[in-house]
C-alpha cells in the first residue's frame, strides 16, 4: 500500500487516521496542508476517486480532513471501514 494522508497536524480526524494506519504497521506519507497544498493533479485524482465534486458537495465533505489516498483510491474524512477493505 502507498498511503498518503493530507490534513493538518491539529485535526482530530487526521490524528485518528494516522493512528489507524500506525496501529496496523502501515507506512504513511503525511502532507500537512498548512505547509503544502494539494496539486491540481492530486485534487483531480481525489475527486475522481470519490465520485466527483458533486458527490463531495452533496456529502458536505469539501473541507473535511483527512484526505487519504491509496493509489487511485481515496477517501475524504475518517473512513476506517473503507481503509480496512484496502488491506
C-alpha atoms as a PDB file:
ATOM      1  CA  UNK A   1       0.000   0.000   0.000  1.00  0.00           C
ATOM      2  CA  UNK A   2       1.069   3.544  -0.735  1.00  0.00           C
ATOM      3  CA  UNK A   3      -0.901   5.626   1.763  1.00  0.00           C
ATOM      4  CA  UNK A   4      -0.866   9.405   1.704  1.00  0.00           C
ATOM      5  CA  UNK A   5      -2.684  11.408   4.369  1.00  0.00           C
ATOM      6  CA  UNK A   6      -3.446  15.039   3.607  1.00  0.00           C
ATOM      7  CA  UNK A   7      -4.522  17.069   6.613  1.00  0.00           C
ATOM      8  CA  UNK A   8      -3.358  19.380   9.362  1.00  0.00           C
ATOM      9  CA  UNK A   9      -1.464  18.494  12.497  1.00  0.00           C
ATOM     10  CA  UNK A  10      -4.223  19.884  14.727  1.00  0.00           C
ATOM     11  CA  UNK A  11      -7.114  17.999  13.090  1.00  0.00           C
ATOM     12  CA  UNK A  12      -8.573  15.346  15.393  1.00  0.00           C
ATOM     13  CA  UNK A  13      -9.690  13.138  12.481  1.00  0.00           C
ATOM     14  CA  UNK A  14      -6.288  13.419  10.809  1.00  0.00           C
ATOM     15  CA  UNK A  15      -4.633  12.237  14.034  1.00  0.00           C
ATOM     16  CA  UNK A  16      -7.106   9.336  14.231  1.00  0.00           C
ATOM     17  CA  UNK A  17      -6.314   8.360  10.628  1.00  0.00           C
ATOM     18  CA  UNK A  18      -2.567   8.403  11.333  1.00  0.00           C
ATOM     19  CA  UNK A  19      -3.129   6.256  14.433  1.00  0.00           C
ATOM     20  CA  UNK A  20      -5.318   3.815  12.442  1.00  0.00           C
ATOM     21  CA  UNK A  21      -2.507   3.067   9.979  1.00  0.00           C
ATOM     22  CA  UNK A  22       0.239   3.144  12.637  1.00  0.00           C
ATOM     23  CA  UNK A  23      -1.594   0.505  14.706  1.00  0.00           C
ATOM     24  CA  UNK A  24      -1.622  -1.725  11.615  1.00  0.00           C
ATOM     25  CA  UNK A  25       2.065  -1.042  10.927  1.00  0.00           C
ATOM     26  CA  UNK A  26       1.267   0.547   7.562  1.00  0.00           C
ATOM     27  CA  UNK A  27       3.656   3.271   6.466  1.00  0.00           C
ATOM     28  CA  UNK A  28       2.074   6.571   5.538  1.00  0.00           C
ATOM     29  CA  UNK A  29       3.234   9.783   3.964  1.00  0.00           C
ATOM     30  CA  UNK A  30       1.733  12.747   5.830  1.00  0.00           C
ATOM     31  CA  UNK A  31       1.290  16.001   3.943  1.00  0.00           C
ATOM     32  CA  UNK A  32       0.467  18.999   6.125  1.00  0.00           C
ATOM     33  CA  UNK A  33      -1.967  21.141   4.163  1.00  0.00           C
ATOM     34  CA  UNK A  34      -0.864  24.236   6.098  1.00  0.00           C
ATOM     35  CA  UNK A  35       2.644  23.813   4.671  1.00  0.00           C
ATOM     36  CA  UNK A  36       1.906  22.416   1.190  1.00  0.00           C
ATOM     37  CA  UNK A  37      -1.364  22.415  -0.685  1.00  0.00           C
ATOM     38  CA  UNK A  38      -2.528  19.598  -2.917  1.00  0.00           C
ATOM     39  CA  UNK A  39      -1.504  19.866  -6.535  1.00  0.00           C
ATOM     40  CA  UNK A  40      -4.188  20.197  -9.186  1.00  0.00           C
ATOM     41  CA  UNK A  41      -3.478  16.597 -10.281  1.00  0.00           C
ATOM     42  CA  UNK A  42      -3.791  15.250  -6.729  1.00  0.00           C
ATOM     43  CA  UNK A  43      -7.055  17.099  -6.193  1.00  0.00           C
ATOM     44  CA  UNK A  44      -8.436  15.864  -9.522  1.00  0.00           C
ATOM     45  CA  UNK A  45      -7.456  12.294  -8.646  1.00  0.00           C
ATOM     46  CA  UNK A  46      -9.238  12.509  -5.283  1.00  0.00           C
ATOM     47  CA  UNK A  47     -12.368  13.993  -6.844  1.00  0.00           C
ATOM     48  CA  UNK A  48     -12.496  11.182  -9.419  1.00  0.00           C
ATOM     49  CA  UNK A  49     -11.981   8.536  -6.730  1.00  0.00           C
ATOM     50  CA  UNK A  50     -14.850   9.787  -4.583  1.00  0.00           C
ATOM     51  CA  UNK A  51     -17.271  10.376  -7.445  1.00  0.00           C
ATOM     52  CA  UNK A  52     -16.617  13.980  -8.476  1.00  0.00           C
ATOM     53  CA  UNK A  53     -17.124  17.402  -6.960  1.00  0.00           C
ATOM     54  CA  UNK A  54     -20.921  16.989  -6.970  1.00  0.00           C
ATOM     55  CA  UNK A  55     -20.582  13.963  -4.677  1.00  0.00           C
ATOM     56  CA  UNK A  56     -18.285  15.922  -2.330  1.00  0.00           C
ATOM     57  CA  UNK A  57     -20.711  18.848  -2.186  1.00  0.00           C
ATOM     58  CA  UNK A  58     -23.670  16.521  -1.654  1.00  0.00           C
ATOM     59  CA  UNK A  59     -21.948  14.922   1.347  1.00  0.00           C
ATOM     60  CA  UNK A  60     -20.596  18.286   2.615  1.00  0.00           C
ATOM     61  CA  UNK A  61     -17.064  16.882   2.585  1.00  0.00           C
ATOM     62  CA  UNK A  62     -15.278  19.571   0.578  1.00  0.00           C
ATOM     63  CA  UNK A  63     -13.292  20.830   3.568  1.00  0.00           C
ATOM     64  CA  UNK A  64     -13.256  17.596   5.555  1.00  0.00           C
ATOM     65  CA  UNK A  65      -9.995  16.150   6.804  1.00  0.00           C
ATOM     66  CA  UNK A  66      -8.202  13.911   6.330  1.00  0.00           C
ATOM     67  CA  UNK A  67      -7.945  13.126   2.663  1.00  0.00           C
ATOM     68  CA  UNK A  68      -6.446   9.635   2.434  1.00  0.00           C
ATOM     69  CA  UNK A  69      -5.115   8.247  -0.841  1.00  0.00           C
ATOM     70  CA  UNK A  70      -4.017   4.755  -1.756  1.00  0.00           C
ATOM     71  CA  UNK A  71      -3.007   4.864  -5.408  1.00  0.00           C
ATOM     72  CA  UNK A  72      -6.158   5.678  -7.393  1.00  0.00           C
ATOM     73  CA  UNK A  73      -8.420   5.110  -4.366  1.00  0.00           C
ATOM     74  CA  UNK A  74      -9.238   7.941  -1.966  1.00  0.00           C
ATOM     75  CA  UNK A  75     -11.481   8.928   0.909  1.00  0.00           C
ATOM     76  CA  UNK A  76     -12.455  12.261   2.422  1.00  0.00           C
ATOM     77  CA  UNK A  77     -12.930  12.265   6.182  1.00  0.00           C
ATOM     78  CA  UNK A  78     -12.358   9.489   8.713  1.00  0.00           C
ATOM     79  CA  UNK A  79     -13.331   6.225   6.917  1.00  0.00           C
ATOM     80  CA  UNK A  80     -11.807   3.168   8.657  1.00  0.00           C
ATOM     81  CA  UNK A  81     -14.356   0.805   7.057  1.00  0.00           C
ATOM     82  CA  UNK A  82     -13.134   1.760   3.589  1.00  0.00           C
ATOM     83  CA  UNK A  83      -9.449   1.646   4.598  1.00  0.00           C
ATOM     84  CA  UNK A  84      -9.937  -1.863   6.003  1.00  0.00           C
ATOM     85  CA  UNK A  85     -11.001  -3.039   2.560  1.00  0.00           C
ATOM     86  CA  UNK A  86      -7.718  -1.665   1.146  1.00  0.00           C
ATOM     87  CA  UNK A  87      -5.613  -4.018   3.281  1.00  0.00           C
END
